Amino acid sequence: MSLTLRRRRPPELVLHIGIPKSATTALQATLARTRTQALMRAQGISYPLLDGRPHHHHLAVQLLGRPHPVWNVSGQADDQIVALRQHLSRRSVRRALVSSELLSETDISGARRVIDTLGMPVHVLITWRPLAQVLPSSWQQGASTGRQVPLDDWLEDVLDGHDRLDLSPLMALRADDGFTLVERWASLVGPDNVTVVIPDPDDTASVFREVEQFLGVRTRTLREQTSNESLSYLASEIARRTGELSGGIAQRDRLELIQGALVKGLKATAADAGPRTSLPTWAVDKVRAVALALGERMVNAGVHIQGDVSAIARPQDPEAGAGQAASDVTPVPIELAADALAAVLVRATAAPYVPAGDDSAPRSADSAAAHPGPHTERGPDNGAAPSGLSWRLLYQGHLLAGGTEQWREFAARMAQEACDDDSARGSDGRGLMGAAGLRLLREVNVRTAGLLSAQDREHLITAGLGPALMAQESSAAEILVVEEATSRRLRDVDDPHVGPHGTDPDTHDHMTFLMTVNATSATIAAAVRRVPPEEGREGD
């Protein structure tokens, strides 16, 4: 009796290639969750965590042969490719899914290299999103790195080849090789091995249900996961202009201080940051025409389409904000600016921004309030009232030292203590912060109380943020009102003459856009100056 051994059928490999900004991060996060992994394996699907990350960008750069400063220094690394092959060789693996939107950002030769390198049959999964959402979101992603041009300029560049459906430099939607994204991969693996998933734009959970259907797994196997929180248009412009003003700082500093800290603070704020980024009026019809043409080419390619193809040409939300550039005088909520600056300051108190040997203990706001600063030295109680500018400088010194008292509280206390400061008398206003700058500095102090050492404050605030705020012009009218309001002994904190609206730091709730980005870029520059230059850290 002879036995015939049946050869094991090779597992199917699914390549999810994006497009970017189509909930790819949310999908990758839920696929990597322990619970999801267990449920998927029980249903015959594997999502290997080859390098411990929830995505497969490391694998993608190696499949593309694309040099990377960490993952593929030589351009020849293949450890992730080897790890994938080892995973697929396991008898328990019947179907595997890997996900990286980087795989969509290539031309026909790069896509062919991916297929040839894998050397096995693959099915390509493409998730889509309305083009009127993809473009603003893609611009915003670049703005969050501090390396982006204004929205109108970027859109003009992207739409320059719209008649050819070539949206380069948006690399996922390039057609400079004669193929749209769907056509490119269909030409290599065949239309039957390409599926385009188009979720319902009105249902954020739709992408999870559609991918479940594609994979053939039970409903709710993929738990809804929130996508990357987007910046508003105003917040995006703050990050973009800060990066622009920061000039040639090193890429590492840009990632840590702008994309990391500044953007984190902008996202975390409870202040009203305004509407999200949307298409300017001039681009709306052009983008819709491109989306309709892409949908038609998608259908003609003969691939599997899961969802309503007309959704990719859906107009943007009419309630979305207009994509107009922020001007220098655009108002920015001080709470928003303070949250962003505080995040940068906190990040700048940790390595690599703390010089070796700096073991200064943080100075709390309570301590600063007890010692209000260099301009609040108490003179004799000779009955002389300080001038208005002197009062402002006294309060400014209090805040520069880390104090958190409100202006009215401080003025009332100083009046009762009959403070005098000869160094502040006779000042012509140079080096004087305006009301908005004082309010911002106080809000920053409140948020960073107890987190900054004496050296932190000296390097980051006294030599960075403070001078930037002093450089903002205070109007002569404001100074005169402050002079008149504070030249008397202020004994009643509720006295309405302490500072009328527009001059009293306590009542200021907005500052200008230019003041915001100048203050932020000055703080970042101060953080970078603390660290001695080192090899490989030159500006970009």
Protein backbone atom coordinates (compact mmCIF):
# COMPACT_ATOMS: atom_id res chain seq x y z
CA MET A 1 0.00 0.00 0.00
CA SER A 2 1.44 3.37 -0.97
CA LEU A 3 0.71 6.72 0.59
CA THR A 4 0.39 9.92 -1.42
CA LEU A 5 1.49 13.00 0.46
CA ARG A 6 -0.47 16.11 -0.42
CA ARG A 7 1.62 19.24 -0.78
CA ARG A 8 0.58 22.06 1.53
CA ARG A 9 -1.19 24.85 -0.34
CA PRO A 10 0.85 28.08 -0.03
CA PRO A 11 -0.76 30.72 2.14
CA GLU A 12 -2.36 33.73 0.50
CA LEU A 13 -0.62 37.03 1.12
CA VAL A 14 -2.70 40.21 1.15
CA LEU A 15 -0.87 43.52 0.66
CA HIS A 16 -2.83 46.46 2.06
CA ILE A 17 -1.21 49.46 0.40
CA GLY A 18 -3.37 52.37 1.58
CA ILE A 19 -4.00 54.94 0.17
CA PRO A 20 -2.57 57.26 2.83
CA LYS A 21 -5.18 59.18 4.85
CA SER A 22 -7.79 56.45 4.31
CA ALA A 23 -7.90 55.29 7.96
CA THR A 24 -4.77 53.18 7.44
CA THR A 25 -3.36 54.06 10.87
CA ALA A 26 -6.63 53.13 12.57
CA LEU A 27 -6.81 49.83 10.71
CA GLN A 28 -3.20 48.96 11.51
CA ALA A 29 -3.73 49.77 15.18
CA THR A 30 -6.76 47.53 15.54
CA LEU A 31 -5.18 44.69 13.53
CA ALA A 32 -2.21 44.74 15.91
CA ARG A 33 -4.29 44.56 19.10
CA THR A 34 -3.85 41.34 21.11
CA ARG A 35 -7.58 40.59 21.09
CA THR A 36 -7.85 41.09 17.34
CA GLN A 37 -4.78 38.95 16.74
CA ALA A 38 -6.34 36.05 18.63
CA LEU A 39 -9.69 36.37 16.85
CA MET A 40 -8.02 36.62 13.45
CA ARG A 41 -5.83 33.57 14.02
CA ALA A 42 -8.88 31.56 15.07
CA GLN A 43 -10.45 32.44 11.72
CA GLY A 44 -7.36 31.61 9.68
CA ILE A 45 -5.96 35.11 9.21
CA SER A 46 -2.53 36.25 10.38
CA TYR A 47 -1.29 39.83 10.82
CA PRO A 48 2.40 39.37 11.66
CA LEU A 49 4.12 41.98 13.82
CA LEU A 50 7.49 41.52 12.19
CA ASP A 51 9.33 44.28 14.05
CA GLY A 52 6.88 44.85 16.90
CA ARG A 53 5.23 47.82 15.21
CA PRO A 54 1.54 47.84 14.23
CA HIS A 55 2.40 48.69 10.61
CA HIS A 56 4.78 47.22 8.05
CA HIS A 57 6.65 50.32 6.89
CA HIS A 58 9.97 48.66 7.75
CA LEU A 59 9.10 45.75 5.43
CA ALA A 60 7.85 48.16 2.74
CA VAL A 61 11.10 50.15 2.43
CA GLN A 62 13.02 46.88 2.06
CA LEU A 63 10.61 45.52 -0.56
CA LEU A 64 10.93 48.77 -2.49
CA GLY A 65 14.73 48.80 -2.08
CA ARG A 66 14.38 52.32 -0.76
CA PRO A 67 17.23 53.61 1.46
CA HIS A 68 16.21 54.57 4.97
CA PRO A 69 18.44 56.03 7.73
CA VAL A 70 17.43 53.25 10.14
CA TRP A 71 15.54 50.48 8.38
CA ASN A 72 17.53 50.21 5.16
CA VAL A 73 20.76 52.18 5.37
CA SER A 74 22.44 50.42 2.46
CA GLY A 75 19.30 49.98 0.40
CA GLN A 76 19.97 46.23 0.42
CA ALA A 77 18.59 45.15 3.82
CA ASP A 78 16.20 42.19 3.78
CA ASP A 79 15.71 41.10 7.40
CA GLN A 80 12.01 41.97 7.31
CA ILE A 81 11.53 40.10 4.03
CA VAL A 82 13.21 37.05 5.57
CA ALA A 83 11.03 37.36 8.68
CA LEU A 84 7.87 37.47 6.52
CA ARG A 85 8.90 34.36 4.60
CA GLN A 86 9.59 32.54 7.85
CA HIS A 87 6.18 33.54 9.15
CA LEU A 88 4.46 32.33 5.98
CA SER A 89 6.27 28.98 6.22
CA ARG A 90 4.44 28.10 9.42
CA ARG A 91 1.85 25.38 8.89
CA SER A 92 -0.68 27.29 10.97
CA VAL A 93 -0.65 30.26 8.59
CA ARG A 94 -3.26 30.02 5.84
CA ARG A 95 -3.70 33.65 4.98
CA ALA A 96 -1.60 36.65 5.98
CA LEU A 97 -2.14 40.38 5.76
CA VAL A 98 0.55 43.07 5.83
CA SER A 99 -0.18 46.79 5.70
CA SER A 100 1.87 49.82 4.67
CA GLU A 101 0.69 52.83 2.69
CA LEU A 102 4.31 53.35 1.64
CA LEU A 103 3.69 50.61 -0.93
CA SER A 104 1.30 52.91 -2.78
CA GLU A 105 3.94 55.61 -3.17
CA THR A 106 5.85 54.12 -6.07
CA ASP A 107 5.76 53.84 -9.85
CA ILE A 108 5.38 50.72 -12.00
CA SER A 109 9.03 49.70 -11.63
CA GLY A 110 8.87 49.93 -7.84
CA ALA A 111 5.63 47.97 -7.69
CA ARG A 112 7.12 45.30 -9.96
CA ARG A 113 10.13 45.06 -7.68
CA VAL A 114 7.82 44.41 -4.70
CA ILE A 115 6.02 41.57 -6.52
CA ASP A 116 9.25 40.05 -7.83
CA THR A 117 10.95 40.22 -4.44
CA LEU A 118 8.05 38.48 -2.71
CA GLY A 119 8.03 35.76 -5.36
CA MET A 120 4.56 34.53 -4.49
CA PRO A 121 0.96 35.24 -5.46
CA VAL A 122 -0.47 38.26 -3.71
CA HIS A 123 -3.80 40.02 -3.46
CA VAL A 124 -3.65 43.83 -3.28
CA LEU A 125 -6.11 45.61 -1.00
CA ILE A 126 -6.60 49.35 -1.51
CA THR A 127 -8.70 51.43 0.87
CA TRP A 128 -9.99 54.73 -0.51
CA ARG A 129 -11.54 57.98 0.68
CA PRO A 130 -13.20 60.98 -1.01
CA LEU A 131 -10.52 62.93 -2.86
CA ALA A 132 -11.85 66.21 -1.42
CA GLN A 133 -10.87 64.84 2.02
CA VAL A 134 -7.62 63.14 1.00
CA LEU A 135 -5.98 66.28 -0.40
CA PRO A 136 -6.50 68.65 2.57
CA SER A 137 -5.60 65.86 4.98
CA SER A 138 -2.40 65.10 3.08
CA TRP A 139 -1.41 68.79 3.12
CA GLN A 140 -2.12 68.95 6.85
CA GLN A 141 0.09 65.91 7.46
CA GLY A 142 2.98 67.72 5.81
CA ALA A 143 2.24 70.92 7.70
CA SER A 144 2.46 69.04 10.99
CA THR A 145 6.12 68.25 10.26
CA GLY A 146 6.94 71.94 9.84
CA ARG A 147 8.02 71.30 6.25
CA GLN A 148 5.18 72.34 3.97
CA VAL A 149 4.29 75.15 1.58
CA PRO A 150 1.03 77.13 1.86
CA LEU A 151 -2.11 75.18 0.98
CA ASP A 152 -2.87 77.06 -2.24
CA ASP A 153 0.69 76.59 -3.51
CA TRP A 154 0.63 72.89 -2.66
CA LEU A 155 -2.71 72.31 -4.36
CA GLU A 156 -1.60 74.15 -7.48
CA ASP A 157 1.41 71.83 -7.65
CA VAL A 158 -0.63 68.67 -7.02
CA LEU A 159 -3.34 69.60 -9.54
CA ASP A 160 -0.91 70.76 -12.21
CA GLY A 161 -1.24 67.40 -14.00
CA HIS A 162 -4.93 66.85 -13.24
CA ASP A 163 -5.79 66.41 -16.94
CA ARG A 164 -3.50 63.34 -16.94
CA LEU A 165 -4.78 62.23 -13.50
CA ASP A 166 -1.22 62.70 -12.29
CA LEU A 167 -1.40 64.19 -8.79
CA SER A 168 2.34 64.15 -8.16
CA PRO A 169 3.94 65.15 -5.82
CA LEU A 170 1.21 63.30 -3.89
CA MET A 171 3.04 60.07 -4.59
CA ALA A 172 0.19 57.64 -3.85
CA LEU A 173 -1.83 59.26 -6.64
CA ARG A 174 0.94 59.75 -9.16
CA ALA A 175 0.45 58.78 -12.80
CA ASP A 176 3.75 59.91 -14.25
CA ASP A 177 4.37 56.33 -15.43
CA GLY A 178 1.09 56.22 -17.38
CA PHE A 179 -0.80 54.23 -14.72
CA THR A 180 -3.21 55.26 -12.00
CA LEU A 181 -2.66 53.51 -8.68
CA VAL A 182 -5.29 50.84 -9.32
CA GLU A 183 -4.20 50.25 -12.91
CA ARG A 184 -0.55 49.94 -11.86
CA TRP A 185 -1.10 47.07 -9.45
CA ALA A 186 -3.79 45.41 -11.59
CA SER A 187 -1.31 45.25 -14.48
CA LEU A 188 1.10 43.29 -12.28
CA VAL A 189 -1.11 40.91 -10.29
CA GLY A 190 -4.21 40.86 -12.48
CA PRO A 191 -7.53 42.66 -11.87
CA ASP A 192 -9.00 39.64 -10.06
CA ASN A 193 -6.27 40.06 -7.43
CA VAL A 194 -7.00 43.70 -6.64
CA THR A 195 -9.82 44.84 -4.35
CA VAL A 196 -10.69 48.49 -3.75
CA VAL A 197 -12.64 49.17 -0.55
CA ILE A 198 -14.58 52.43 -0.49
CA PRO A 199 -16.11 52.99 2.97
CA ASP A 200 -19.20 55.09 3.63
CA PRO A 201 -17.91 58.65 4.21
CA ASP A 202 -20.70 59.24 6.74
CA ASP A 203 -19.81 56.20 8.89
CA THR A 204 -16.39 56.14 10.54
CA ALA A 205 -16.86 52.46 11.43
CA SER A 206 -17.58 51.54 7.83
CA VAL A 207 -13.94 50.89 6.90
CA PHE A 208 -13.69 48.21 9.63
CA ARG A 209 -16.88 46.47 8.47
CA GLU A 210 -15.79 46.57 4.82
CA VAL A 211 -12.37 45.10 5.58
CA GLU A 212 -14.01 42.38 7.70
CA GLN A 213 -16.17 41.50 4.72
CA PHE A 214 -13.15 41.39 2.43
CA LEU A 215 -11.26 39.12 4.85
CA GLY A 216 -14.29 36.91 5.44
CA VAL A 217 -14.16 37.25 9.23
CA ARG A 218 -17.01 37.75 11.65
CA THR A 219 -18.50 41.18 12.20
CA ARG A 220 -16.90 43.09 15.08
CA THR A 221 -13.66 41.14 14.79
CA LEU A 222 -12.07 44.50 14.08
CA ARG A 223 -12.93 46.92 16.85
CA GLU A 224 -13.34 50.56 15.84
CA GLN A 225 -10.22 52.56 16.45
CA THR A 226 -9.92 56.31 16.28
CA SER A 227 -7.78 57.55 13.43
CA ASN A 228 -4.99 60.07 13.88
CA GLU A 229 -6.51 63.20 15.35
CA SER A 230 -6.31 65.92 12.74
CA LEU A 231 -5.12 69.45 13.30
CA SER A 232 -7.43 72.32 12.50
CA TYR A 233 -6.40 74.60 9.65
CA LEU A 234 -5.20 77.29 12.08
CA ALA A 235 -3.17 74.77 14.09
CA SER A 236 -1.70 73.35 10.88
CA GLU A 237 -0.63 76.84 9.82
CA ILE A 238 0.98 77.44 13.23
CA ALA A 239 3.04 74.25 12.85
CA ARG A 240 3.89 75.02 9.22
CA ARG A 241 4.97 78.62 9.80
CA THR A 242 6.89 77.68 12.94
CA GLY A 243 8.87 75.19 10.89
CA GLU A 244 9.41 77.82 8.21
CA LEU A 245 10.70 80.35 10.75
CA SER A 246 12.86 77.71 12.43
CA GLY A 247 14.92 77.50 9.27
CA GLY A 248 17.57 74.83 8.98
CA ILE A 249 17.22 73.04 12.29
CA ALA A 250 18.24 69.39 12.22
CA GLN A 251 15.69 66.80 11.18
CA ARG A 252 15.80 65.21 14.63
CA ASP A 253 14.95 68.54 16.27
CA ARG A 254 12.15 69.09 13.78
CA LEU A 255 10.68 65.68 14.60
CA GLU A 256 11.05 66.11 18.36
CA LEU A 257 10.09 69.75 18.86
CA ILE A 258 7.66 70.48 16.03
CA GLN A 259 6.06 67.24 14.85
CA GLY A 260 6.28 65.75 18.32
CA ALA A 261 5.90 68.40 21.01
CA LEU A 262 4.30 71.38 19.27
CA VAL A 263 1.75 69.32 17.36
CA LYS A 264 0.99 67.27 20.46
CA GLY A 265 0.16 70.46 22.35
CA LEU A 266 -1.96 71.77 19.46
CA LYS A 267 -3.96 68.54 19.36
CA ALA A 268 -4.41 68.34 23.12
CA THR A 269 -5.76 71.85 23.60
CA ALA A 270 -9.31 72.43 24.74
CA ALA A 271 -9.32 75.86 23.08
CA ASP A 272 -11.36 76.45 19.94
CA ALA A 273 -8.81 75.93 17.18
CA GLY A 274 -11.27 76.59 14.37
CA PRO A 275 -12.43 74.43 11.46
CA ARG A 276 -10.40 71.70 9.81
CA THR A 277 -8.55 72.21 6.55
CA SER A 278 -10.66 72.15 3.39
CA LEU A 279 -10.30 72.92 -0.28
CA PRO A 280 -10.29 76.56 -1.34
CA THR A 281 -13.14 77.50 -3.66
CA TRP A 282 -10.97 77.58 -6.79
CA ALA A 283 -9.99 73.91 -6.37
CA VAL A 284 -13.40 72.35 -5.63
CA ASP A 285 -14.60 71.71 -9.19
CA LYS A 286 -11.17 70.65 -10.40
CA VAL A 287 -10.79 68.06 -7.61
CA ARG A 288 -14.29 66.69 -8.25
CA ALA A 289 -13.51 66.25 -11.97
CA VAL A 290 -10.32 64.36 -11.13
CA ALA A 291 -12.16 62.13 -8.64
CA LEU A 292 -14.87 61.26 -11.19
CA ALA A 293 -12.23 60.37 -13.77
CA LEU A 294 -10.33 58.22 -11.26
CA GLY A 295 -13.55 56.36 -10.42
CA GLU A 296 -14.21 55.71 -14.10
CA ARG A 297 -10.67 54.39 -14.64
CA MET A 298 -11.08 52.23 -11.54
CA VAL A 299 -14.22 50.61 -12.95
CA ASN A 300 -12.65 50.14 -16.38
CA ALA A 301 -9.66 48.37 -14.80
CA GLY A 302 -11.95 45.46 -13.93
CA VAL A 303 -10.87 45.16 -10.31
CA HIS A 304 -13.17 44.21 -7.43
CA ILE A 305 -14.83 47.32 -5.99
CA GLN A 306 -16.40 47.02 -2.58
CA GLY A 307 -18.54 50.06 -1.83
CA ASP A 308 -19.93 52.99 -3.81
CA VAL A 309 -17.38 54.21 -6.35
CA SER A 310 -19.17 57.55 -6.64
CA ALA A 311 -18.18 58.28 -3.01
CA ILE A 312 -14.62 59.13 -4.05
CA ALA A 313 -16.01 62.21 -5.85
CA ARG A 314 -18.14 63.31 -2.93
CA PRO A 315 -17.91 67.08 -2.30
CA GLN A 316 -16.36 68.32 0.91
CA ASP A 317 -18.49 69.09 3.93
CA PRO A 318 -20.09 72.50 3.32
CA GLU A 319 -19.45 73.35 6.98
CA ALA A 320 -15.71 72.84 6.61
CA GLY A 321 -13.57 75.93 6.93
CA ALA A 322 -12.21 77.75 3.93
CA GLY A 323 -8.61 76.95 3.06
CA GLN A 324 -7.29 80.50 3.18
CA ALA A 325 -3.83 81.31 4.44
CA ALA A 326 -3.61 82.72 7.95
CA SER A 327 -2.48 86.34 7.92
CA ASP A 328 -0.08 87.88 10.42
CA VAL A 329 -3.00 89.40 12.34
CA THR A 330 -5.26 86.35 12.39
CA PRO A 331 -6.40 85.95 16.03
CA VAL A 332 -5.14 82.90 17.92
CA PRO A 333 -6.64 81.90 21.29
CA ILE A 334 -4.03 82.43 23.99
CA GLU A 335 -5.07 79.11 25.56
CA LEU A 336 -4.16 77.37 22.29
CA ALA A 337 -0.79 79.10 22.04
CA ALA A 338 -0.02 78.36 25.71
CA ASP A 339 -0.82 74.65 25.34
CA ALA A 340 1.46 74.43 22.31
CA LEU A 341 4.32 76.34 23.94
CA ALA A 342 4.07 74.38 27.18
CA ALA A 343 4.42 71.11 25.26
CA VAL A 344 7.56 72.41 23.56
CA LEU A 345 9.04 73.62 26.85
CA VAL A 346 8.39 70.32 28.61
CA ARG A 347 10.01 68.37 25.76
CA ALA A 348 13.00 70.74 25.88
CA THR A 349 13.64 69.83 29.54
CA ALA A 350 14.55 66.25 28.62
CA ALA A 351 17.41 64.69 26.64
CA PRO A 352 18.96 65.69 24.34
CA TYR A 353 18.04 69.28 25.23
CA VAL A 354 19.42 69.26 28.78
CA PRO A 355 23.18 69.79 28.83
CA ALA A 356 25.27 67.34 30.81
CA GLY A 357 25.65 68.36 34.42
CA ASP A 358 22.40 70.33 34.58
CA ASP A 359 20.93 68.91 37.76
CA SER A 360 19.08 72.05 38.82
CA ALA A 361 15.92 71.31 40.72
CA PRO A 362 12.70 72.57 39.13
CA ARG A 363 11.48 75.83 40.51
CA SER A 364 7.78 75.75 41.20
CA ALA A 365 5.34 78.55 40.45
CA ASP A 366 4.68 78.86 44.19
CA SER A 367 8.35 79.53 44.75
CA ALA A 368 8.41 82.07 41.93
CA ALA A 369 5.38 83.84 43.32
CA ALA A 370 7.09 84.16 46.67
CA HIS A 371 10.12 85.66 44.91
CA PRO A 372 8.54 87.62 42.09
CA GLY A 373 11.66 88.22 40.09
CA PRO A 374 14.42 90.65 39.27
CA HIS A 375 12.17 93.69 38.80
CA THR A 376 10.28 93.37 42.08
CA GLU A 377 12.94 94.19 44.58
CA ARG A 378 11.21 95.91 47.45
CA GLY A 379 12.29 99.44 48.07
CA PRO A 380 11.55 101.55 51.12
CA ASP A 381 7.96 102.45 51.81
CA ASN A 382 8.50 106.08 50.96
CA GLY A 383 5.03 106.61 49.60
CA ALA A 384 6.21 107.07 46.02
CA ALA A 385 4.04 105.33 43.45
CA PRO A 386 5.77 103.59 40.56
CA SER A 387 5.07 104.77 37.03
CA GLY A 388 2.74 102.78 34.77
CA LEU A 389 5.60 101.29 32.80
CA SER A 390 7.34 100.41 36.03
CA TRP A 391 4.26 98.53 37.17
CA ARG A 392 4.22 96.63 33.88
CA LEU A 393 7.91 95.76 34.20
CA LEU A 394 7.42 94.63 37.79
CA TYR A 395 4.75 92.20 36.63
CA GLN A 396 6.84 91.12 33.66
CA GLY A 397 9.75 90.29 35.98
CA HIS A 398 7.38 88.29 38.17
CA LEU A 399 6.30 86.20 35.17
CA LEU A 400 9.82 85.77 33.76
CA ALA A 401 10.78 84.30 37.12
CA GLY A 402 7.98 81.75 36.84
CA GLY A 403 5.22 83.55 38.75
CA THR A 404 1.57 82.73 38.12
CA GLU A 405 -0.29 85.63 39.74
CA GLN A 406 -2.90 87.38 37.66
CA TRP A 407 -2.23 91.03 36.84
CA ARG A 408 -4.88 92.43 39.18
CA GLU A 409 -3.78 90.24 42.07
CA PHE A 410 -0.18 91.26 41.52
CA ALA A 411 -0.99 94.99 41.18
CA ALA A 412 -3.08 94.99 44.35
CA ARG A 413 -0.34 93.24 46.32
CA MET A 414 2.39 95.53 45.01
CA ALA A 415 0.31 98.65 45.73
CA GLN A 416 -0.22 97.65 49.34
CA GLU A 417 3.47 96.88 49.72
CA ALA A 418 4.36 100.28 48.22
CA CYS A 419 6.95 98.79 45.88
CA ASP A 420 9.39 100.94 43.99
CA ASP A 421 11.88 100.03 41.30
CA ASP A 422 14.24 102.71 40.10
CA SER A 423 15.54 100.48 37.32
CA ALA A 424 12.09 100.41 35.77
CA ARG A 425 11.38 104.14 36.03
CA GLY A 426 11.77 106.26 32.95
CA SER A 427 11.61 103.29 30.57
CA ASP A 428 10.47 104.19 27.09
CA GLY A 429 8.79 100.84 26.62
CA ARG A 430 11.63 98.95 24.97
CA GLY A 431 11.73 95.39 26.24
CA LEU A 432 8.17 95.67 27.46
CA MET A 433 5.67 92.91 26.74
CA GLY A 434 2.18 93.82 25.64
CA ALA A 435 -0.90 92.60 27.46
CA ALA A 436 -1.25 89.55 25.23
CA GLY A 437 2.38 88.56 25.82
CA LEU A 438 2.02 88.87 29.58
CA ARG A 439 -1.15 86.78 29.56
CA LEU A 440 0.52 84.13 27.39
CA LEU A 441 3.57 83.92 29.65
CA ARG A 442 1.37 83.55 32.72
CA GLU A 443 -0.63 80.74 31.06
CA VAL A 444 2.60 78.99 30.08
CA ASN A 445 3.86 79.29 33.67
CA VAL A 446 0.66 77.75 35.00
CA ARG A 447 1.04 74.77 32.65
CA THR A 448 4.73 74.19 33.39
CA ALA A 449 4.69 74.89 37.13
CA GLY A 450 7.24 72.67 38.86
CA LEU A 451 8.57 71.26 35.57
CA LEU A 452 11.33 73.73 34.70
CA SER A 453 14.65 73.99 36.49
CA ALA A 454 16.38 77.33 37.01
CA GLN A 455 18.62 76.60 34.03
CA ASP A 456 15.64 75.52 31.94
CA ARG A 457 13.96 78.84 32.62
CA GLU A 458 17.14 80.83 31.95
CA HIS A 459 17.80 79.14 28.60
CA LEU A 460 14.27 78.64 27.34
CA ILE A 461 12.31 81.59 28.69
CA THR A 462 14.74 84.35 29.72
CA ALA A 463 16.79 83.88 26.54
CA GLY A 464 14.08 82.49 24.25
CA LEU A 465 10.39 83.02 24.77
CA GLY A 466 10.72 86.21 26.85
CA PRO A 467 12.68 88.29 24.31
CA ALA A 468 10.34 87.11 21.53
CA LEU A 469 7.37 88.43 23.47
CA MET A 470 9.18 91.69 24.26
CA ALA A 471 9.87 92.16 20.57
CA GLN A 472 6.15 92.48 19.86
CA GLU A 473 5.09 96.09 19.58
CA SER A 474 2.93 97.58 22.30
CA SER A 475 0.87 100.47 21.01
CA ALA A 476 1.47 103.91 22.49
CA ALA A 477 -2.22 104.11 23.36
CA GLU A 478 -2.02 100.91 25.40
CA ILE A 479 1.05 102.10 27.30
CA LEU A 480 -0.60 105.42 28.10
CA VAL A 481 -3.69 103.71 29.45
CA VAL A 482 -1.59 101.37 31.55
CA GLU A 483 0.42 104.34 32.82
CA GLU A 484 -2.74 106.14 33.85
CA ALA A 485 -4.34 103.05 35.37
CA THR A 486 -1.38 101.92 37.43
CA SER A 487 0.30 105.14 38.52
CA ARG A 488 -2.00 105.24 41.53
CA ARG A 489 -1.82 102.97 44.56
CA LEU A 490 -4.13 100.10 43.56
CA ARG A 491 -5.71 98.85 46.76
CA ASP A 492 -8.88 97.29 45.38
CA VAL A 493 -8.39 94.33 43.07
CA ASP A 494 -11.92 94.80 41.73
CA ASP A 495 -11.31 98.43 40.78
CA PRO A 496 -12.48 98.67 37.13
CA HIS A 497 -9.69 101.13 36.36
CA VAL A 498 -6.94 98.57 36.92
CA GLY A 499 -6.95 97.93 33.21
CA PRO A 500 -9.71 98.38 30.68
CA HIS A 501 -10.49 95.62 28.17
CA GLY A 502 -7.71 95.43 25.63
CA THR A 503 -4.97 96.57 28.01
CA ASP A 504 -5.46 94.40 31.07
CA PRO A 505 -3.49 91.13 30.66
CA ASP A 506 -6.20 89.28 32.59
CA THR A 507 -8.83 90.12 29.96
CA HIS A 508 -6.74 89.32 26.88
CA ASP A 509 -7.85 86.03 25.37
CA HIS A 510 -6.33 86.27 21.87
CA MET A 511 -3.01 87.14 20.30
CA THR A 512 -1.93 87.52 16.68
CA PHE A 513 -0.82 84.64 14.48
CA LEU A 514 2.56 86.28 13.86
CA MET A 515 3.15 86.72 17.58
CA THR A 516 2.28 83.05 18.13
CA VAL A 517 4.70 81.64 15.55
CA ASN A 518 7.47 84.07 16.50
CA ALA A 519 7.20 83.01 20.15
CA THR A 520 7.12 79.31 19.26
CA SER A 521 10.05 79.41 16.84
CA ALA A 522 12.12 81.45 19.34
CA THR A 523 11.49 78.84 22.02
CA ILE A 524 12.48 76.03 19.67
CA ALA A 525 15.64 77.91 18.70
CA ALA A 526 16.49 78.36 22.39
CA ALA A 527 16.08 74.62 22.98
CA VAL A 528 18.32 73.75 20.04
CA ARG A 529 20.99 76.24 21.15
CA ARG A 530 21.31 74.41 24.47
CA VAL A 531 22.73 71.33 22.80
CA PRO A 532 26.29 71.41 21.47
CA PRO A 533 26.56 70.57 17.74
CA GLU A 534 27.27 66.95 17.08
CA GLU A 535 28.03 64.80 14.08
CA GLY A 536 25.00 63.92 11.99
CA ARG A 537 22.88 66.69 13.49
CA GLU A 538 23.37 69.41 10.94
CA GLY A 539 20.42 71.46 9.75
CA ASP A 540 18.31 70.12 6.92
